[in-house]
Amino acid sequence: MKTLAELKSYLKSEAAKIHDYKVFRKPSKRPEGQSYSSWTEHLMSENYRIHHIAYCLLRGRTIEQIEGTTKTKPLYWPNLEAIMKDVDLQRHRMYVLVRTDLPPIHQAVQAGHGVAQFLIDNKDTRWTNGTLVYLKAHHEEDLKDTLTYLTEHGYESSSWAEEDQDNQMTAVCCVTTDRSVFADREVLRF
């Protein structure tokens, strides 16, 4: 699963399977040779529960809102984290900051170089060619300050320096789910 919509669809199909399986509790409802196992039903229900919790957490709910404070059933966190990590991929955005003191055609080219350099530098990036946001940087010092901030705060980032511009920094890329990092930046329009 890669998107929340796919996770929601998976939950619907799992709920239907659980519903259909519960019918087999009554021996008279089982097809000949079909057996019923409460353990199988339990495993199906727990799988559904973990996926449902992941879905709700990804949509911004807290665990208390989902499970309540009196829930006593333990939660197997590694499974939950693995599900969320898989779905979370689509939520990562790549932000590309490009200097506005360059002509528009050069801005577009430098943005492309910045993305390519980011992918070379970050082979294990969590960005999956999803959302790409181009933002304005006023000059080289603005880019350098931004890159310093991103590096100091542990953001997945990279920069591009153009040979034809005396090796000046012309673009900075960052992949994050944190939209507040660039909230004060204007969108670059080519």
N, C-alpha and C. Protein backbone atom coordinates (compact mmCIF):
# COMPACT_ATOMS: atom_id res chain seq x y z
N MET A 1 0.83 -1.18 0.00
CA MET A 1 0.00 0.00 0.00
C MET A 1 0.87 1.24 0.00
N LYS A 2 0.47 2.23 -0.76
CA LYS A 2 1.26 3.45 -0.84
C LYS A 2 0.46 4.69 -0.46
N THR A 3 -0.85 4.66 -0.61
CA THR A 3 -1.64 5.86 -0.33
C THR A 3 -2.68 5.56 0.73
N LEU A 4 -3.20 6.64 1.31
CA LEU A 4 -4.27 6.48 2.30
C LEU A 4 -5.51 5.85 1.65
N ALA A 5 -5.78 6.20 0.41
CA ALA A 5 -6.94 5.63 -0.28
C ALA A 5 -6.80 4.12 -0.44
N GLU A 6 -5.60 3.66 -0.75
CA GLU A 6 -5.36 2.22 -0.87
C GLU A 6 -5.50 1.53 0.49
N LEU A 7 -5.03 2.19 1.55
CA LEU A 7 -5.17 1.63 2.88
C LEU A 7 -6.64 1.54 3.27
N LYS A 8 -7.41 2.58 2.94
CA LYS A 8 -8.84 2.57 3.23
C LYS A 8 -9.54 1.43 2.48
N SER A 9 -9.19 1.24 1.23
CA SER A 9 -9.76 0.16 0.43
C SER A 9 -9.40 -1.20 1.03
N TYR A 10 -8.15 -1.34 1.47
CA TYR A 10 -7.70 -2.58 2.11
C TYR A 10 -8.52 -2.85 3.37
N LEU A 11 -8.76 -1.82 4.17
CA LEU A 11 -9.55 -1.98 5.39
C LEU A 11 -10.96 -2.46 5.07
N LYS A 12 -11.55 -1.91 4.04
CA LYS A 12 -12.90 -2.33 3.65
C LYS A 12 -12.92 -3.80 3.24
N SER A 13 -11.94 -4.22 2.47
CA SER A 13 -11.92 -5.62 2.03
C SER A 13 -11.66 -6.55 3.21
N GLU A 14 -10.79 -6.15 4.15
CA GLU A 14 -10.52 -6.98 5.33
C GLU A 14 -11.75 -7.08 6.23
N ALA A 15 -12.48 -5.97 6.38
CA ALA A 15 -13.71 -6.00 7.19
C ALA A 15 -14.72 -6.97 6.58
N ALA A 16 -14.83 -6.97 5.27
CA ALA A 16 -15.75 -7.90 4.59
C ALA A 16 -15.31 -9.35 4.81
N LYS A 17 -14.01 -9.63 4.75
CA LYS A 17 -13.51 -10.99 4.98
C LYS A 17 -13.82 -11.45 6.41
N ILE A 18 -13.62 -10.55 7.37
CA ILE A 18 -13.90 -10.90 8.77
C ILE A 18 -15.39 -11.18 8.94
N HIS A 19 -16.21 -10.35 8.35
CA HIS A 19 -17.67 -10.52 8.43
C HIS A 19 -18.07 -11.88 7.86
N ASP A 20 -17.53 -12.18 6.68
CA ASP A 20 -17.85 -13.45 6.03
C ASP A 20 -17.35 -14.64 6.85
N TYR A 21 -16.20 -14.50 7.48
CA TYR A 21 -15.63 -15.61 8.26
C TYR A 21 -16.44 -15.86 9.53
N LYS A 22 -16.97 -14.82 10.14
CA LYS A 22 -17.72 -14.97 11.39
C LYS A 22 -18.98 -15.83 11.21
N VAL A 23 -19.47 -15.90 10.01
CA VAL A 23 -20.64 -16.73 9.71
C VAL A 23 -20.34 -18.19 10.03
N PHE A 24 -19.08 -18.59 9.86
CA PHE A 24 -18.68 -19.99 10.08
C PHE A 24 -18.66 -20.40 11.55
N ARG A 25 -18.95 -19.47 12.45
CA ARG A 25 -19.00 -19.83 13.87
C ARG A 25 -20.05 -20.92 14.09
N LYS A 26 -21.15 -20.81 13.38
CA LYS A 26 -22.22 -21.81 13.51
C LYS A 26 -21.93 -22.98 12.58
N PRO A 27 -21.84 -24.18 13.13
CA PRO A 27 -21.54 -25.35 12.27
C PRO A 27 -22.52 -25.50 11.12
N SER A 28 -23.77 -25.12 11.33
CA SER A 28 -24.77 -25.29 10.27
C SER A 28 -24.52 -24.35 9.09
N LYS A 29 -23.76 -23.32 9.29
CA LYS A 29 -23.47 -22.35 8.23
C LYS A 29 -22.19 -22.67 7.44
N ARG A 30 -21.41 -23.63 7.92
CA ARG A 30 -20.14 -23.97 7.26
C ARG A 30 -20.38 -24.90 6.08
N PRO A 31 -19.68 -24.62 4.99
CA PRO A 31 -19.71 -25.59 3.89
C PRO A 31 -19.05 -26.89 4.35
N GLU A 32 -19.42 -27.97 3.71
CA GLU A 32 -18.86 -29.26 4.09
C GLU A 32 -17.34 -29.23 3.99
N GLY A 33 -16.67 -29.68 5.03
CA GLY A 33 -15.22 -29.70 5.07
C GLY A 33 -14.60 -28.40 5.56
N GLN A 34 -15.39 -27.36 5.72
CA GLN A 34 -14.89 -26.07 6.19
C GLN A 34 -14.85 -26.07 7.71
N SER A 35 -13.76 -25.64 8.26
CA SER A 35 -13.67 -25.57 9.72
C SER A 35 -13.65 -24.11 10.16
N TYR A 36 -13.86 -23.93 11.43
CA TYR A 36 -13.82 -22.59 12.01
C TYR A 36 -12.77 -22.58 13.10
N SER A 37 -11.99 -21.51 13.15
CA SER A 37 -10.97 -21.36 14.17
C SER A 37 -11.09 -19.98 14.79
N SER A 38 -11.31 -19.92 16.10
CA SER A 38 -11.38 -18.62 16.77
C SER A 38 -10.04 -17.91 16.69
N TRP A 39 -8.95 -18.69 16.61
CA TRP A 39 -7.62 -18.09 16.49
C TRP A 39 -7.48 -17.39 15.14
N THR A 40 -7.96 -17.98 14.10
CA THR A 40 -7.92 -17.34 12.78
C THR A 40 -8.72 -16.05 12.79
N GLU A 41 -9.90 -16.08 13.38
CA GLU A 41 -10.71 -14.87 13.48
C GLU A 41 -9.98 -13.80 14.29
N HIS A 42 -9.34 -14.21 15.36
CA HIS A 42 -8.58 -13.27 16.19
C HIS A 42 -7.45 -12.63 15.38
N LEU A 43 -6.70 -13.43 14.63
CA LEU A 43 -5.60 -12.89 13.82
C LEU A 43 -6.11 -11.92 12.77
N MET A 44 -7.21 -12.27 12.13
CA MET A 44 -7.80 -11.39 11.13
C MET A 44 -8.22 -10.06 11.77
N SER A 45 -8.83 -10.15 12.94
CA SER A 45 -9.28 -8.95 13.65
C SER A 45 -8.12 -8.07 14.09
N GLU A 46 -7.06 -8.70 14.59
CA GLU A 46 -5.88 -7.93 15.03
C GLU A 46 -5.19 -7.26 13.84
N ASN A 47 -5.11 -7.97 12.72
CA ASN A 47 -4.54 -7.37 11.52
C ASN A 47 -5.35 -6.15 11.10
N TYR A 48 -6.68 -6.28 11.13
CA TYR A 48 -7.55 -5.16 10.80
C TYR A 48 -7.32 -4.01 11.78
N ARG A 49 -7.27 -4.34 13.06
CA ARG A 49 -7.11 -3.32 14.10
C ARG A 49 -5.83 -2.51 13.89
N ILE A 50 -4.72 -3.19 13.64
CA ILE A 50 -3.45 -2.48 13.46
C ILE A 50 -3.49 -1.59 12.22
N HIS A 51 -4.04 -2.09 11.13
CA HIS A 51 -4.16 -1.27 9.92
C HIS A 51 -5.11 -0.09 10.14
N HIS A 52 -6.18 -0.31 10.88
CA HIS A 52 -7.13 0.77 11.18
C HIS A 52 -6.47 1.85 12.03
N ILE A 53 -5.71 1.44 13.03
CA ILE A 53 -5.02 2.41 13.88
C ILE A 53 -4.01 3.21 13.05
N ALA A 54 -3.27 2.53 12.19
CA ALA A 54 -2.31 3.23 11.32
C ALA A 54 -3.03 4.25 10.44
N TYR A 55 -4.15 3.85 9.87
CA TYR A 55 -4.94 4.75 9.02
C TYR A 55 -5.37 6.00 9.80
N CYS A 56 -5.88 5.80 10.99
CA CYS A 56 -6.35 6.92 11.81
C CYS A 56 -5.20 7.82 12.25
N LEU A 57 -4.08 7.23 12.65
CA LEU A 57 -2.92 8.03 13.05
C LEU A 57 -2.41 8.87 11.89
N LEU A 58 -2.37 8.29 10.70
CA LEU A 58 -1.92 9.03 9.53
C LEU A 58 -2.86 10.17 9.18
N ARG A 59 -4.10 10.06 9.59
CA ARG A 59 -5.08 11.12 9.32
C ARG A 59 -5.13 12.14 10.45
N GLY A 60 -4.23 12.00 11.44
CA GLY A 60 -4.12 13.03 12.47
C GLY A 60 -4.76 12.72 13.81
N ARG A 61 -5.34 11.56 13.97
CA ARG A 61 -5.92 11.18 15.26
C ARG A 61 -4.84 10.78 16.24
N THR A 62 -5.12 10.89 17.54
CA THR A 62 -4.20 10.38 18.55
C THR A 62 -4.62 8.96 18.90
N ILE A 63 -3.71 8.22 19.51
CA ILE A 63 -4.02 6.84 19.89
C ILE A 63 -5.17 6.81 20.90
N GLU A 64 -5.24 7.82 21.76
CA GLU A 64 -6.33 7.88 22.74
C GLU A 64 -7.68 8.09 22.06
N GLN A 65 -7.69 8.89 20.99
CA GLN A 65 -8.94 9.11 20.25
C GLN A 65 -9.37 7.83 19.53
N ILE A 66 -8.43 7.01 19.13
CA ILE A 66 -8.75 5.80 18.39
C ILE A 66 -9.14 4.67 19.32
N GLU A 67 -8.32 4.42 20.33
CA GLU A 67 -8.49 3.27 21.20
C GLU A 67 -9.18 3.61 22.52
N GLY A 68 -9.20 4.87 22.89
CA GLY A 68 -9.72 5.24 24.20
C GLY A 68 -8.66 5.02 25.26
N THR A 69 -8.90 5.53 26.44
CA THR A 69 -7.89 5.42 27.50
C THR A 69 -8.03 4.14 28.30
N THR A 70 -9.15 3.42 28.14
CA THR A 70 -9.35 2.20 28.93
C THR A 70 -9.02 0.94 28.15
N LYS A 71 -8.55 1.08 26.93
CA LYS A 71 -8.22 -0.09 26.11
C LYS A 71 -7.09 -0.88 26.77
N THR A 72 -7.30 -2.15 26.95
CA THR A 72 -6.29 -2.97 27.63
C THR A 72 -5.55 -3.89 26.68
N LYS A 73 -6.04 -4.05 25.46
CA LYS A 73 -5.35 -4.93 24.52
C LYS A 73 -4.02 -4.29 24.11
N PRO A 74 -2.91 -5.04 24.23
CA PRO A 74 -1.62 -4.46 23.85
C PRO A 74 -1.55 -4.26 22.33
N LEU A 75 -0.74 -3.33 21.94
CA LEU A 75 -0.56 -3.00 20.53
C LEU A 75 0.86 -3.34 20.12
N TYR A 76 1.01 -4.06 19.02
CA TYR A 76 2.33 -4.44 18.56
C TYR A 76 2.88 -3.32 17.68
N TRP A 77 3.66 -2.43 18.27
CA TRP A 77 4.11 -1.21 17.61
C TRP A 77 4.97 -1.42 16.37
N PRO A 78 5.88 -2.42 16.35
CA PRO A 78 6.68 -2.57 15.11
C PRO A 78 5.82 -2.78 13.86
N ASN A 79 4.75 -3.57 13.98
CA ASN A 79 3.84 -3.76 12.84
C ASN A 79 3.20 -2.44 12.45
N LEU A 80 2.74 -1.70 13.43
CA LEU A 80 2.08 -0.42 13.19
C LEU A 80 3.04 0.55 12.50
N GLU A 81 4.25 0.64 13.01
CA GLU A 81 5.23 1.56 12.42
C GLU A 81 5.58 1.16 10.98
N ALA A 82 5.66 -0.13 10.71
CA ALA A 82 5.96 -0.59 9.35
C ALA A 82 4.84 -0.20 8.39
N ILE A 83 3.61 -0.35 8.82
CA ILE A 83 2.47 0.02 7.98
C ILE A 83 2.49 1.52 7.71
N MET A 84 2.71 2.30 8.77
CA MET A 84 2.71 3.75 8.62
C MET A 84 3.86 4.22 7.74
N LYS A 85 5.01 3.59 7.87
CA LYS A 85 6.16 3.97 7.05
C LYS A 85 5.85 3.72 5.58
N ASP A 86 5.20 2.61 5.29
CA ASP A 86 4.85 2.27 3.91
C ASP A 86 3.88 3.29 3.33
N VAL A 87 2.88 3.66 4.09
CA VAL A 87 1.88 4.61 3.61
C VAL A 87 2.43 6.02 3.61
N ASP A 88 3.29 6.31 4.54
CA ASP A 88 3.81 7.66 4.73
C ASP A 88 4.60 8.17 3.53
N LEU A 89 5.05 7.27 2.66
CA LEU A 89 5.86 7.69 1.53
C LEU A 89 5.21 8.78 0.71
N GLN A 90 3.92 8.71 0.51
CA GLN A 90 3.24 9.70 -0.33
C GLN A 90 3.13 11.06 0.33
N ARG A 91 3.39 11.12 1.60
CA ARG A 91 3.25 12.38 2.31
C ARG A 91 4.51 13.23 2.27
N HIS A 92 5.61 12.67 1.85
CA HIS A 92 6.86 13.42 1.77
C HIS A 92 6.84 14.29 0.52
N ARG A 93 7.18 15.53 0.70
CA ARG A 93 7.24 16.48 -0.41
C ARG A 93 8.68 16.88 -0.65
N MET A 94 8.99 17.12 -1.90
CA MET A 94 10.31 17.68 -2.21
C MET A 94 10.12 19.17 -2.44
N TYR A 95 10.89 19.94 -1.70
CA TYR A 95 10.91 21.39 -1.86
C TYR A 95 12.21 21.76 -2.56
N VAL A 96 12.07 22.55 -3.62
CA VAL A 96 13.22 22.99 -4.39
C VAL A 96 13.27 24.51 -4.33
N LEU A 97 14.30 25.03 -3.70
CA LEU A 97 14.47 26.48 -3.61
C LEU A 97 15.44 26.91 -4.70
N VAL A 98 15.03 27.90 -5.49
CA VAL A 98 15.82 28.36 -6.62
C VAL A 98 15.95 29.88 -6.54
N ARG A 99 17.11 30.36 -6.90
CA ARG A 99 17.37 31.80 -6.84
C ARG A 99 16.52 32.57 -7.84
N THR A 100 15.94 33.65 -7.37
CA THR A 100 15.11 34.50 -8.24
C THR A 100 15.93 35.58 -8.92
N ASP A 101 17.23 35.69 -8.58
CA ASP A 101 18.07 36.66 -9.27
C ASP A 101 18.65 36.09 -10.57
N LEU A 102 18.18 34.91 -10.94
CA LEU A 102 18.57 34.29 -12.22
C LEU A 102 17.42 34.45 -13.21
N PRO A 103 17.72 34.47 -14.52
CA PRO A 103 16.64 34.53 -15.52
C PRO A 103 15.74 33.29 -15.39
N PRO A 104 14.45 33.41 -15.72
CA PRO A 104 13.51 32.30 -15.57
C PRO A 104 13.97 30.99 -16.21
N ILE A 105 14.57 31.03 -17.39
CA ILE A 105 15.02 29.80 -18.03
C ILE A 105 16.12 29.13 -17.21
N HIS A 106 16.99 29.94 -16.62
CA HIS A 106 18.06 29.38 -15.78
C HIS A 106 17.49 28.85 -14.46
N GLN A 107 16.45 29.48 -13.97
CA GLN A 107 15.80 28.98 -12.75
C GLN A 107 15.28 27.56 -12.97
N ALA A 108 14.64 27.36 -14.12
CA ALA A 108 14.09 26.03 -14.42
C ALA A 108 15.21 24.99 -14.55
N VAL A 109 16.28 25.36 -15.23
CA VAL A 109 17.41 24.43 -15.41
C VAL A 109 18.07 24.13 -14.07
N GLN A 110 18.28 25.16 -13.26
CA GLN A 110 18.93 24.96 -11.96
C GLN A 110 18.05 24.13 -11.02
N ALA A 111 16.75 24.30 -11.11
CA ALA A 111 15.84 23.47 -10.32
C ALA A 111 16.00 22.01 -10.70
N GLY A 112 16.09 21.74 -11.99
CA GLY A 112 16.29 20.37 -12.46
C GLY A 112 17.60 19.78 -11.97
N HIS A 113 18.67 20.58 -12.05
CA HIS A 113 19.96 20.13 -11.53
C HIS A 113 19.88 19.86 -10.03
N GLY A 114 19.16 20.72 -9.31
CA GLY A 114 19.02 20.55 -7.87
C GLY A 114 18.34 19.24 -7.51
N VAL A 115 17.27 18.91 -8.23
CA VAL A 115 16.55 17.65 -7.99
C VAL A 115 17.47 16.46 -8.31
N ALA A 116 18.15 16.53 -9.44
CA ALA A 116 19.05 15.43 -9.82
C ALA A 116 20.15 15.24 -8.77
N GLN A 117 20.74 16.33 -8.30
CA GLN A 117 21.80 16.24 -7.30
C GLN A 117 21.26 15.67 -5.99
N PHE A 118 20.05 16.07 -5.62
CA PHE A 118 19.44 15.53 -4.41
C PHE A 118 19.31 14.02 -4.50
N LEU A 119 18.84 13.53 -5.62
CA LEU A 119 18.64 12.08 -5.79
C LEU A 119 19.97 11.33 -5.82
N ILE A 120 21.03 11.95 -6.30
CA ILE A 120 22.36 11.34 -6.25
C ILE A 120 22.85 11.29 -4.80
N ASP A 121 22.66 12.38 -4.08
CA ASP A 121 23.15 12.47 -2.70
C ASP A 121 22.33 11.67 -1.70
N ASN A 122 21.06 11.42 -2.01
CA ASN A 122 20.14 10.77 -1.07
C ASN A 122 19.50 9.55 -1.72
N LYS A 123 20.27 8.53 -1.92
CA LYS A 123 19.78 7.34 -2.62
C LYS A 123 18.63 6.64 -1.88
N ASP A 124 18.57 6.77 -0.57
CA ASP A 124 17.52 6.13 0.21
C ASP A 124 16.41 7.10 0.61
N THR A 125 16.20 8.12 -0.22
CA THR A 125 15.19 9.12 0.11
C THR A 125 13.81 8.51 0.25
N ARG A 126 12.98 9.13 1.08
CA ARG A 126 11.60 8.67 1.25
C ARG A 126 10.67 9.34 0.25
N TRP A 127 11.20 10.23 -0.57
CA TRP A 127 10.39 10.87 -1.61
C TRP A 127 10.24 9.90 -2.76
N THR A 128 9.01 9.74 -3.25
CA THR A 128 8.75 8.76 -4.31
C THR A 128 8.17 9.41 -5.56
N ASN A 129 8.76 10.53 -5.95
CA ASN A 129 8.30 11.25 -7.13
C ASN A 129 6.85 11.69 -6.97
N GLY A 130 6.51 12.12 -5.75
CA GLY A 130 5.18 12.62 -5.45
C GLY A 130 5.14 14.13 -5.62
N THR A 131 4.79 14.82 -4.56
CA THR A 131 4.64 16.27 -4.62
C THR A 131 5.99 16.95 -4.72
N LEU A 132 6.07 17.90 -5.64
CA LEU A 132 7.29 18.67 -5.89
C LEU A 132 6.89 20.14 -5.83
N VAL A 133 7.52 20.91 -4.94
CA VAL A 133 7.17 22.32 -4.73
C VAL A 133 8.39 23.18 -5.02
N TYR A 134 8.24 24.14 -5.94
CA TYR A 134 9.32 25.06 -6.26
C TYR A 134 9.10 26.36 -5.48
N LEU A 135 10.15 26.79 -4.78
CA LEU A 135 10.05 27.98 -3.93
C LEU A 135 11.14 28.99 -4.28
N LYS A 136 10.87 30.25 -3.94
CA LYS A 136 11.81 31.33 -4.24
C LYS A 136 12.88 31.45 -3.16
N ALA A 137 14.11 31.66 -3.63
CA ALA A 137 15.22 32.08 -2.79
C ALA A 137 15.76 33.34 -3.45
N HIS A 138 16.02 34.36 -2.68
CA HIS A 138 16.34 35.66 -3.29
C HIS A 138 17.75 35.75 -3.86
N HIS A 139 18.70 35.05 -3.25
CA HIS A 139 20.08 35.13 -3.71
C HIS A 139 20.86 33.96 -3.11
N GLU A 140 22.14 33.88 -3.44
CA GLU A 140 22.97 32.76 -2.99
C GLU A 140 23.05 32.68 -1.47
N GLU A 141 23.20 33.79 -0.79
CA GLU A 141 23.29 33.77 0.68
C GLU A 141 22.02 33.21 1.30
N ASP A 142 20.89 33.51 0.70
CA ASP A 142 19.60 32.98 1.17
C ASP A 142 19.63 31.45 1.10
N LEU A 143 20.13 30.91 -0.01
CA LEU A 143 20.24 29.45 -0.17
C LEU A 143 21.21 28.85 0.84
N LYS A 144 22.36 29.51 1.03
CA LYS A 144 23.35 29.00 1.98
C LYS A 144 22.79 28.98 3.40
N ASP A 145 22.10 30.04 3.79
CA ASP A 145 21.49 30.09 5.12
C ASP A 145 20.44 28.99 5.29
N THR A 146 19.65 28.78 4.24
CA THR A 146 18.62 27.74 4.29
C THR A 146 19.25 26.36 4.42
N LEU A 147 20.28 26.10 3.62
CA LEU A 147 20.95 24.80 3.68
C LEU A 147 21.58 24.57 5.06
N THR A 148 22.17 25.59 5.62
CA THR A 148 22.75 25.48 6.97
C THR A 148 21.67 25.10 7.98
N TYR A 149 20.53 25.79 7.91
CA TYR A 149 19.42 25.49 8.82
C TYR A 149 18.95 24.04 8.65
N LEU A 150 18.75 23.63 7.41
CA LEU A 150 18.26 22.27 7.13
C LEU A 150 19.24 21.22 7.63
N THR A 151 20.52 21.45 7.40
CA THR A 151 21.55 20.50 7.84
C THR A 151 21.61 20.42 9.36
N GLU A 152 21.60 21.58 10.02
CA GLU A 152 21.67 21.61 11.49
C GLU A 152 20.47 20.93 12.14
N HIS A 153 19.33 20.97 11.47
CA HIS A 153 18.12 20.38 12.04
C HIS A 153 17.81 18.97 11.51
N GLY A 154 18.76 18.41 10.77
CA GLY A 154 18.65 17.01 10.36
C GLY A 154 17.69 16.72 9.22
N TYR A 155 17.36 17.73 8.43
CA TYR A 155 16.48 17.49 7.29
C TYR A 155 17.26 16.85 6.15
N GLU A 156 16.59 15.99 5.40
CA GLU A 156 17.16 15.35 4.22
C GLU A 156 17.26 16.44 3.15
N SER A 157 18.48 16.87 2.83
CA SER A 157 18.63 18.00 1.91
C SER A 157 19.89 17.88 1.08
N SER A 158 20.00 18.76 0.09
CA SER A 158 21.14 18.77 -0.82
C SER A 158 21.16 20.11 -1.54
N SER A 159 22.30 20.44 -2.14
CA SER A 159 22.38 21.70 -2.88
C SER A 159 23.06 21.45 -4.23
N TRP A 160 22.90 22.43 -5.10
CA TRP A 160 23.53 22.38 -6.42
C TRP A 160 24.28 23.69 -6.65
N ALA A 161 25.55 23.57 -7.09
CA ALA A 161 26.35 24.72 -7.46
C ALA A 161 26.65 24.62 -8.96
N GLU A 162 26.41 25.69 -9.67
CA GLU A 162 26.54 25.69 -11.13
C GLU A 162 27.93 26.16 -11.55
N GLU A 163 28.61 25.32 -12.34
CA GLU A 163 29.94 25.68 -12.87
C GLU A 163 29.90 26.97 -13.67
N ASP A 164 28.88 27.11 -14.50
CA ASP A 164 28.77 28.29 -15.37
C ASP A 164 28.45 29.56 -14.60
N GLN A 165 28.18 29.42 -13.32
CA GLN A 165 27.89 30.59 -12.47
C GLN A 165 29.00 30.74 -11.41
N ASP A 166 30.23 30.42 -11.80
CA ASP A 166 31.39 30.49 -10.89
C ASP A 166 31.19 29.62 -9.66
N ASN A 167 30.58 28.44 -9.86
CA ASN A 167 30.31 27.49 -8.78
C ASN A 167 29.48 28.07 -7.64
N GLN A 168 28.62 29.00 -7.99
CA GLN A 168 27.71 29.55 -6.99
C GLN A 168 26.57 28.57 -6.76
N MET A 169 26.07 28.56 -5.54
CA MET A 169 24.91 27.73 -5.22
C MET A 169 23.69 28.33 -5.90
N THR A 170 22.97 27.50 -6.64
CA THR A 170 21.80 28.00 -7.37
C THR A 170 20.50 27.32 -6.95
N ALA A 171 20.60 26.18 -6.26
CA ALA A 171 19.38 25.47 -5.83
C ALA A 171 19.66 24.66 -4.57
N VAL A 172 18.63 24.53 -3.75
CA VAL A 172 18.66 23.68 -2.56
C VAL A 172 17.39 22.84 -2.59
N CYS A 173 17.52 21.55 -2.30
CA CYS A 173 16.37 20.65 -2.25
C CYS A 173 16.26 20.05 -0.86
N CYS A 174 15.02 19.82 -0.45
CA CYS A 174 14.76 19.21 0.85
C CYS A 174 13.51 18.35 0.73
N VAL A 175 13.56 17.17 1.36
CA VAL A 175 12.38 16.30 1.41
C VAL A 175 11.94 16.22 2.86
N THR A 176 10.68 16.53 3.08
CA THR A 176 10.14 16.51 4.44
C THR A 176 8.62 16.41 4.40
N THR A 177 8.05 16.02 5.54
CA THR A 177 6.59 16.07 5.71
C THR A 177 6.20 17.33 6.46
N ASP A 178 7.19 18.03 6.98
CA ASP A 178 6.96 19.22 7.80
C ASP A 178 6.77 20.44 6.91
N ARG A 179 5.54 20.82 6.69
CA ARG A 179 5.24 21.95 5.81
C ARG A 179 5.63 23.30 6.41
N SER A 180 5.78 23.33 7.73
CA SER A 180 6.08 24.60 8.39
C SER A 180 7.49 25.11 8.09
N VAL A 181 8.38 24.22 7.66
CA VAL A 181 9.77 24.62 7.39
C VAL A 181 9.83 25.72 6.34
N PHE A 182 8.97 25.62 5.35
CA PHE A 182 9.00 26.59 4.25
C PHE A 182 7.72 27.43 4.18
N ALA A 183 7.02 27.56 5.28
CA ALA A 183 5.75 28.28 5.30
C ALA A 183 5.89 29.74 4.89
N ASP A 184 7.05 30.33 5.14
CA ASP A 184 7.24 31.75 4.83
C ASP A 184 7.76 31.99 3.41
N ARG A 185 7.93 30.93 2.64
CA ARG A 185 8.47 31.04 1.28
C ARG A 185 7.35 31.21 0.25
N GLU A 186 7.66 31.96 -0.79
CA GLU A 186 6.73 32.13 -1.89
C GLU A 186 6.97 31.04 -2.93
N VAL A 187 5.90 30.61 -3.58
CA VAL A 187 6.00 29.62 -4.66
C VAL A 187 6.64 30.29 -5.87
N LEU A 188 7.57 29.60 -6.49
CA LEU A 188 8.24 30.09 -7.68
C LEU A 188 7.39 29.76 -8.90
N ARG A 189 7.15 30.75 -9.71
CA ARG A 189 6.38 30.57 -10.94
C ARG A 189 7.31 30.85 -12.12
N PHE A 190 7.45 29.84 -12.97
CA PHE A 190 8.34 29.98 -14.12
C PHE A 190 7.64 30.70 -15.24
